[in-house]
């Protein structure tokens, strides 16, 4: 993938990525990259995806309120860095 993302579990983020998109967004994007790189990721329409509810994300980021997580995801989506979908 990108030299700005790593394939490890810890919440680690490169300073260059944080400077480019913001610290919270970089932390979230790095964790998303970790999950998309794993065996639990699915594929739909040629894109890898995972399912996490806001409550699931908050378990991974207990230092953020669900409203904060929602805003981070929306900002990443608005910048074209992630796609957010709702599949039932």
C-alpha atoms as a PDB file:
ATOM      1  CA  UNK A   1       0.000   0.000   0.000  1.00  0.00           C
ATOM      2  CA  UNK A   2       1.248   3.439   0.916  1.00  0.00           C
ATOM      3  CA  UNK A   3       4.461   4.244   2.743  1.00  0.00           C
ATOM      4  CA  UNK A   4       2.300   6.349   5.091  1.00  0.00           C
ATOM      5  CA  UNK A   5       0.446   3.298   6.468  1.00  0.00           C
ATOM      6  CA  UNK A   6       1.777   0.310   8.438  1.00  0.00           C
ATOM      7  CA  UNK A   7       0.387  -3.195   8.877  1.00  0.00           C
ATOM      8  CA  UNK A   8       0.627  -3.489  12.665  1.00  0.00           C
ATOM      9  CA  UNK A   9      -1.952  -3.554  15.459  1.00  0.00           C
ATOM     10  CA  UNK A  10      -0.799  -0.707  17.778  1.00  0.00           C
ATOM     11  CA  UNK A  11      -2.333   2.706  17.375  1.00  0.00           C
ATOM     12  CA  UNK A  12       0.695   4.163  15.687  1.00  0.00           C
ATOM     13  CA  UNK A  13       0.602   6.974  13.192  1.00  0.00           C
ATOM     14  CA  UNK A  14       3.287   8.615  11.122  1.00  0.00           C
ATOM     15  CA  UNK A  15       3.728  12.327  11.793  1.00  0.00           C
ATOM     16  CA  UNK A  16       3.666  13.084   8.036  1.00  0.00           C
ATOM     17  CA  UNK A  17       0.218  11.543   7.736  1.00  0.00           C
ATOM     18  CA  UNK A  18      -1.035  13.437  10.814  1.00  0.00           C
ATOM     19  CA  UNK A  19       0.299  16.704   9.371  1.00  0.00           C
ATOM     20  CA  UNK A  20      -1.326  15.975   6.018  1.00  0.00           C
ATOM     21  CA  UNK A  21      -4.841  15.067   7.200  1.00  0.00           C
ATOM     22  CA  UNK A  22      -5.023  15.795  10.940  1.00  0.00           C
ATOM     23  CA  UNK A  23      -4.125  13.679  13.957  1.00  0.00           C
ATOM     24  CA  UNK A  24      -7.551  12.168  14.663  1.00  0.00           C
ATOM     25  CA  UNK A  25      -8.108  11.384  11.007  1.00  0.00           C
ATOM     26  CA  UNK A  26      -4.656   9.787  10.746  1.00  0.00           C
ATOM     27  CA  UNK A  27      -5.268   7.585  13.790  1.00  0.00           C
ATOM     28  CA  UNK A  28      -8.636   6.448  12.441  1.00  0.00           C
ATOM     29  CA  UNK A  29      -7.328   5.897   8.905  1.00  0.00           C
ATOM     30  CA  UNK A  30      -4.379   3.863  10.189  1.00  0.00           C
ATOM     31  CA  UNK A  31      -6.697   1.622  12.211  1.00  0.00           C
ATOM     32  CA  UNK A  32      -9.000   1.222   9.216  1.00  0.00           C
ATOM     33  CA  UNK A  33      -5.999   0.248   7.095  1.00  0.00           C
ATOM     34  CA  UNK A  34      -5.044  -2.358   9.699  1.00  0.00           C
ATOM     35  CA  UNK A  35      -8.517  -3.946   9.557  1.00  0.00           C
ATOM     36  CA  UNK A  36      -8.712  -3.819   5.758  1.00  0.00           C
ATOM     37  CA  UNK A  37      -5.349  -5.583   5.522  1.00  0.00           C
ATOM     38  CA  UNK A  38      -6.528  -8.468   7.711  1.00  0.00           C
ATOM     39  CA  UNK A  39      -8.396 -11.685   7.091  1.00  0.00           C
ATOM     40  CA  UNK A  40     -11.662 -10.254   8.418  1.00  0.00           C
ATOM     41  CA  UNK A  41     -12.051  -7.821   5.530  1.00  0.00           C
ATOM     42  CA  UNK A  42     -14.625  -8.498   2.828  1.00  0.00           C
ATOM     43  CA  UNK A  43     -14.728  -7.526  -0.820  1.00  0.00           C
ATOM     44  CA  UNK A  44     -17.607  -5.889  -2.654  1.00  0.00           C
ATOM     45  CA  UNK A  45     -17.431  -4.365  -6.108  1.00  0.00           C
ATOM     46  CA  UNK A  46     -13.657  -4.752  -6.171  1.00  0.00           C
ATOM     47  CA  UNK A  47     -13.232  -2.834  -2.902  1.00  0.00           C
ATOM     48  CA  UNK A  48     -12.228  -4.208   0.464  1.00  0.00           C
ATOM     49  CA  UNK A  49     -14.521  -3.314   3.327  1.00  0.00           C
ATOM     50  CA  UNK A  50     -15.202  -4.036   6.968  1.00  0.00           C
ATOM     51  CA  UNK A  51     -18.239  -3.613   9.154  1.00  0.00           C
ATOM     52  CA  UNK A  52     -17.986  -1.721  12.414  1.00  0.00           C
ATOM     53  CA  UNK A  53     -20.773   0.093  14.201  1.00  0.00           C
ATOM     54  CA  UNK A  54     -20.045   3.315  16.043  1.00  0.00           C
ATOM     55  CA  UNK A  55     -20.043   1.284  19.265  1.00  0.00           C
ATOM     56  CA  UNK A  56     -17.471  -1.102  17.748  1.00  0.00           C
ATOM     57  CA  UNK A  57     -15.255   1.816  16.740  1.00  0.00           C
ATOM     58  CA  UNK A  58     -15.566   3.328  20.207  1.00  0.00           C
ATOM     59  CA  UNK A  59     -14.230   0.097  21.730  1.00  0.00           C
ATOM     60  CA  UNK A  60     -11.109   0.622  19.629  1.00  0.00           C
ATOM     61  CA  UNK A  61     -10.981   4.342  20.418  1.00  0.00           C
ATOM     62  CA  UNK A  62     -12.273   4.643  24.000  1.00  0.00           C
ATOM     63  CA  UNK A  63     -10.809   8.145  24.219  1.00  0.00           C
ATOM     64  CA  UNK A  64     -13.289   9.428  21.573  1.00  0.00           C
ATOM     65  CA  UNK A  65     -17.038   9.932  21.900  1.00  0.00           C
ATOM     66  CA  UNK A  66     -19.156   8.343  19.157  1.00  0.00           C
ATOM     67  CA  UNK A  67     -19.970  11.837  17.860  1.00  0.00           C
ATOM     68  CA  UNK A  68     -16.237  12.453  17.384  1.00  0.00           C
ATOM     69  CA  UNK A  69     -15.830   9.166  15.516  1.00  0.00           C
ATOM     70  CA  UNK A  70     -18.766  10.064  13.262  1.00  0.00           C
ATOM     71  CA  UNK A  71     -17.233  13.484  12.479  1.00  0.00           C
ATOM     72  CA  UNK A  72     -13.840  11.927  11.726  1.00  0.00           C
ATOM     73  CA  UNK A  73     -15.399   9.402   9.327  1.00  0.00           C
ATOM     74  CA  UNK A  74     -17.377  12.162   7.598  1.00  0.00           C
ATOM     75  CA  UNK A  75     -14.269  14.321   7.174  1.00  0.00           C
ATOM     76  CA  UNK A  76     -12.324  11.383   5.713  1.00  0.00           C
ATOM     77  CA  UNK A  77     -15.201  10.618   3.367  1.00  0.00           C
ATOM     78  CA  UNK A  78     -15.495  14.279   2.302  1.00  0.00           C
ATOM     79  CA  UNK A  79     -11.796  14.264   1.393  1.00  0.00           C
ATOM     80  CA  UNK A  80     -12.244  11.118  -0.676  1.00  0.00           C
ATOM     81  CA  UNK A  81     -10.010   9.032   1.587  1.00  0.00           C
ATOM     82  CA  UNK A  82     -12.682   6.504   2.595  1.00  0.00           C
ATOM     83  CA  UNK A  83     -16.042   5.342   1.384  1.00  0.00           C
ATOM     84  CA  UNK A  84     -18.807   4.947   3.933  1.00  0.00           C
ATOM     85  CA  UNK A  85     -21.693   2.667   3.087  1.00  0.00           C
ATOM     86  CA  UNK A  86     -24.653   1.178   4.879  1.00  0.00           C
ATOM     87  CA  UNK A  87     -25.502  -2.341   3.779  1.00  0.00           C
ATOM     88  CA  UNK A  88     -28.380  -4.255   5.353  1.00  0.00           C
END
